[in-house]
Amino acid sequence: MTAAPPRPPAAQPWEAMVIGGSAGAFAVLKVLLPALPRDTRLPVIIVLHLPPDRPSVMASVFARDCRLTVKEAEDKEPLAAGTVYFAPPSYHLLVESNQALALSSDELVHHSRPSVDVLFESAADVFGRRLLALVLSGANQDGAAGLKKIGLAGGTAIVQAPPSAEQAAMPAAALDAWPTSAALPLDELVTLFASLGTERATPGPLHG
């Protein structure tokens, strides 16, 4: 029996969303991101494991189907409301204390750069309980430590239900690391994403 999709507390609405995934996550995002309503004000920051030796086409592919602005993240770029950011190849993507993005060429984490853990851990430091996080399909443990940190900070932790994932290792590891995470199948994730435009207050600190 799966948990019901979480809802933001009225007094402490989510101010940002982070998503991480690897093998199998692209197909899930092709369903989830177009479900975001046009009036969604959350910035959505995404790390997918990417080949390091060629440019990413993620932003251009998803921009065609999404109602929000979709772009590849740039170093020192302030977060803007209602914008979807993809990490570029060969760089870790972090959130800085002033709610700007940062790119780093530090060493690989879980054999990956960008790393889900790096994004999640930095976002937890900035947003704490105002953060919504999702771990999707993937074949390693990247994201597990980061999701635990988000949970410890009071943020909302979600994983794609492992039986519904093309590669269950990544969401299963995240669920093991933070067992109170909501494990949701794709249809319930779509319902959650579709709700994000109308069930939260406008975040004051964000640009846009």
Protein backbone atom coordinates (compact mmCIF):
# COMPACT_ATOMS: atom_id res chain seq x y z
CA MET A 1 0.00 0.00 0.00
CA THR A 2 1.55 3.30 -1.06
CA ALA A 3 1.57 6.51 0.93
CA ALA A 4 -0.68 9.36 -0.14
CA PRO A 5 1.11 12.15 -2.01
CA PRO A 6 2.36 14.64 0.58
CA ARG A 7 0.95 18.14 0.81
CA PRO A 8 2.85 21.28 1.87
CA PRO A 9 2.14 22.56 5.38
CA ALA A 10 0.09 25.74 5.14
CA ALA A 11 2.49 27.76 7.30
CA GLN A 12 5.64 26.43 5.66
CA PRO A 13 5.14 25.98 1.94
CA TRP A 14 7.80 24.40 -0.20
CA GLU A 15 10.15 26.91 -1.77
CA ALA A 16 12.17 24.59 -4.02
CA MET A 17 12.19 21.08 -5.43
CA VAL A 18 15.19 18.89 -6.19
CA ILE A 19 15.08 15.73 -8.30
CA GLY A 20 17.75 13.10 -8.88
CA GLY A 21 17.86 10.06 -11.09
CA SER A 22 19.86 7.94 -13.47
CA ALA A 23 18.94 5.02 -15.74
CA GLY A 24 15.19 5.04 -16.34
CA ALA A 25 14.61 8.52 -14.92
CA PHE A 26 14.42 10.29 -18.28
CA ALA A 27 11.21 8.46 -19.23
CA VAL A 28 9.65 9.30 -15.85
CA LEU A 29 10.50 12.99 -16.19
CA LYS A 30 8.92 13.02 -19.64
CA VAL A 31 5.64 12.33 -17.84
CA LEU A 32 6.17 14.36 -14.67
CA LEU A 33 7.53 17.69 -15.91
CA PRO A 34 4.71 18.36 -18.40
CA ALA A 35 2.28 17.82 -15.50
CA LEU A 36 3.58 20.92 -13.70
CA PRO A 37 0.97 23.71 -14.02
CA ARG A 38 1.84 26.99 -15.68
CA ASP A 39 1.49 28.83 -12.37
CA THR A 40 4.00 26.63 -10.52
CA ARG A 41 6.38 28.93 -8.68
CA LEU A 42 8.78 26.33 -7.36
CA PRO A 43 12.22 26.28 -8.94
CA VAL A 44 12.85 22.65 -9.90
CA ILE A 45 16.52 21.60 -9.88
CA ILE A 46 17.41 18.30 -11.53
CA VAL A 47 20.49 16.09 -11.62
CA LEU A 48 20.55 13.17 -14.03
CA HIS A 49 23.69 11.12 -14.55
CA LEU A 50 25.00 12.21 -17.94
CA PRO A 51 27.80 11.13 -20.28
CA PRO A 52 30.71 13.49 -19.58
CA ASP A 53 31.98 13.69 -23.14
CA ARG A 54 29.12 15.32 -25.03
CA PRO A 55 26.70 18.24 -24.57
CA SER A 56 23.37 17.60 -22.86
CA VAL A 57 20.12 17.98 -24.78
CA MET A 58 17.93 17.71 -21.68
CA ALA A 59 16.84 21.34 -21.55
CA SER A 60 15.89 21.51 -25.22
CA VAL A 61 14.05 18.18 -25.12
CA PHE A 62 11.95 19.04 -22.08
CA ALA A 63 11.32 22.65 -23.07
CA ARG A 64 9.12 21.46 -25.93
CA ASP A 65 6.60 19.78 -23.60
CA CYS A 66 6.74 21.81 -20.38
CA ARG A 67 4.71 24.86 -19.46
CA LEU A 68 7.57 26.22 -17.36
CA THR A 69 10.88 27.68 -18.48
CA VAL A 70 13.45 24.87 -18.86
CA LYS A 71 17.17 25.56 -19.06
CA GLU A 72 20.63 24.23 -18.31
CA ALA A 73 21.94 25.62 -15.03
CA GLU A 74 24.65 28.29 -15.13
CA ASP A 75 27.23 29.14 -12.49
CA LYS A 76 26.17 31.91 -10.05
CA GLU A 77 22.68 32.06 -11.59
CA PRO A 78 19.99 33.19 -9.12
CA LEU A 79 17.13 30.75 -8.76
CA ALA A 80 13.98 31.97 -10.47
CA ALA A 81 10.44 30.94 -9.63
CA GLY A 82 8.73 28.58 -12.06
CA THR A 83 11.96 27.48 -13.75
CA VAL A 84 13.32 23.97 -14.31
CA TYR A 85 17.12 23.65 -14.17
CA PHE A 86 19.15 20.71 -15.44
CA ALA A 87 22.72 20.11 -14.31
CA PRO A 88 25.21 20.29 -17.20
CA PRO A 89 27.53 17.38 -17.98
CA SER A 90 30.79 17.07 -16.02
CA TYR A 91 29.79 19.54 -13.29
CA HIS A 92 28.27 19.10 -9.86
CA LEU A 93 25.30 21.42 -9.33
CA LEU A 94 24.86 23.06 -5.92
CA VAL A 95 22.57 25.62 -4.31
CA GLU A 96 24.37 28.43 -2.50
CA SER A 97 23.20 30.23 0.64
CA ASN A 98 22.00 33.23 -1.39
CA GLN A 99 19.70 30.92 -3.42
CA ALA A 100 21.95 31.01 -6.47
CA LEU A 101 23.23 27.96 -8.33
CA ALA A 102 26.89 26.98 -8.46
CA LEU A 103 28.81 24.59 -10.69
CA SER A 104 31.77 22.59 -9.39
CA SER A 105 34.32 20.31 -11.00
CA ASP A 106 35.21 18.61 -7.70
CA GLU A 107 35.86 14.87 -7.68
CA LEU A 108 33.22 12.37 -8.72
CA VAL A 109 30.69 11.14 -6.14
CA HIS A 110 29.37 7.61 -6.68
CA HIS A 111 31.35 7.65 -9.94
CA SER A 112 29.22 10.57 -11.13
CA ARG A 113 29.56 14.26 -11.82
CA PRO A 114 26.94 15.69 -11.55
CA SER A 115 25.96 13.86 -8.37
CA VAL A 116 22.51 13.76 -6.81
CA ASP A 117 23.98 13.74 -3.30
CA VAL A 118 25.91 16.95 -3.93
CA LEU A 119 22.77 18.78 -5.08
CA PHE A 120 20.53 17.39 -2.34
CA GLU A 121 22.96 18.10 0.49
CA SER A 122 23.56 21.70 -0.58
CA ALA A 123 19.82 22.32 -1.08
CA ALA A 124 19.08 20.89 2.37
CA ASP A 125 21.45 23.44 3.90
CA VAL A 126 19.67 26.31 2.14
CA PHE A 127 15.99 25.35 2.24
CA GLY A 128 15.66 22.89 5.14
CA ARG A 129 12.01 22.04 5.78
CA ARG A 130 10.94 24.18 2.81
CA LEU A 131 12.47 21.65 0.39
CA LEU A 132 10.69 18.94 -1.61
CA ALA A 133 12.95 16.15 -2.89
CA LEU A 134 12.39 13.21 -5.22
CA VAL A 135 14.66 10.25 -6.09
CA LEU A 136 13.80 8.49 -9.33
CA SER A 137 14.95 5.34 -11.12
CA GLY A 138 18.67 4.61 -11.18
CA ALA A 139 21.19 1.83 -10.77
CA ASN A 140 23.38 3.00 -7.89
CA GLN A 141 23.12 4.63 -4.44
CA ASP A 142 23.59 8.26 -5.41
CA GLY A 143 20.93 10.38 -3.71
CA ALA A 144 20.47 8.19 -0.63
CA ALA A 145 22.72 10.22 1.68
CA GLY A 146 21.34 13.46 0.28
CA LEU A 147 17.72 12.43 0.81
CA LYS A 148 18.52 11.46 4.39
CA LYS A 149 20.03 14.88 5.00
CA ILE A 150 16.90 16.52 3.57
CA GLY A 151 14.75 14.39 5.86
CA LEU A 152 16.84 15.28 8.89
CA ALA A 153 16.48 18.95 7.97
CA GLY A 154 12.70 18.60 7.99
CA GLY A 155 12.22 18.59 4.23
CA THR A 156 9.79 16.36 2.36
CA ALA A 157 11.41 13.17 1.01
CA ILE A 158 9.83 11.15 -1.81
CA VAL A 159 11.09 8.23 -3.86
CA GLN A 160 9.66 6.60 -6.94
CA ALA A 161 8.17 3.35 -5.65
CA PRO A 162 10.96 0.84 -6.38
CA PRO A 163 8.65 -1.75 -8.04
CA SER A 164 7.61 0.93 -10.55
CA ALA A 165 11.18 1.97 -11.41
CA GLU A 166 13.07 0.67 -14.43
CA GLN A 167 16.13 0.50 -12.16
CA ALA A 168 15.10 0.10 -8.52
CA ALA A 169 18.52 0.39 -6.86
CA MET A 170 18.57 4.18 -6.49
CA PRO A 171 15.09 4.71 -5.01
CA ALA A 172 15.47 1.57 -2.87
CA ALA A 173 18.76 2.84 -1.42
CA ALA A 174 17.18 6.23 -0.71
CA LEU A 175 14.23 4.56 1.00
CA ASP A 176 16.60 2.46 3.11
CA ALA A 177 18.51 5.60 4.10
CA TRP A 178 15.34 7.51 5.04
CA PRO A 179 12.55 4.96 5.63
CA THR A 180 9.86 7.59 6.23
CA SER A 181 10.13 8.74 2.62
CA ALA A 182 6.87 8.52 0.68
CA ALA A 183 7.26 5.79 -1.98
CA LEU A 184 4.91 6.74 -4.81
CA PRO A 185 4.19 5.06 -8.17
CA LEU A 186 4.12 7.14 -11.33
CA ASP A 187 0.40 7.96 -11.29
CA GLU A 188 0.63 9.37 -7.76
CA LEU A 189 3.74 11.34 -8.66
CA VAL A 190 1.82 12.87 -11.57
CA THR A 191 -0.98 13.85 -9.17
CA LEU A 192 1.54 15.49 -6.86
CA PHE A 193 3.22 17.42 -9.67
CA ALA A 194 -0.12 18.59 -11.04
CA SER A 195 -0.98 20.01 -7.58
CA LEU A 196 2.11 22.18 -7.28
CA GLY A 197 0.67 25.19 -9.06
CA THR A 198 -2.22 25.82 -6.71
CA GLU A 199 -1.44 24.49 -3.23
CA ARG A 200 1.38 26.70 -2.05
CA ALA A 201 2.04 30.35 -1.26
CA THR A 202 4.27 32.51 -3.43
CA PRO A 203 7.85 32.27 -2.09
CA GLY A 204 9.09 35.72 -1.19
CA PRO A 205 12.87 35.22 -1.51
CA LEU A 206 12.84 33.88 -5.05
CA HIS A 207 13.36 35.94 -8.17
CA GLY A 208 10.90 35.87 -11.04
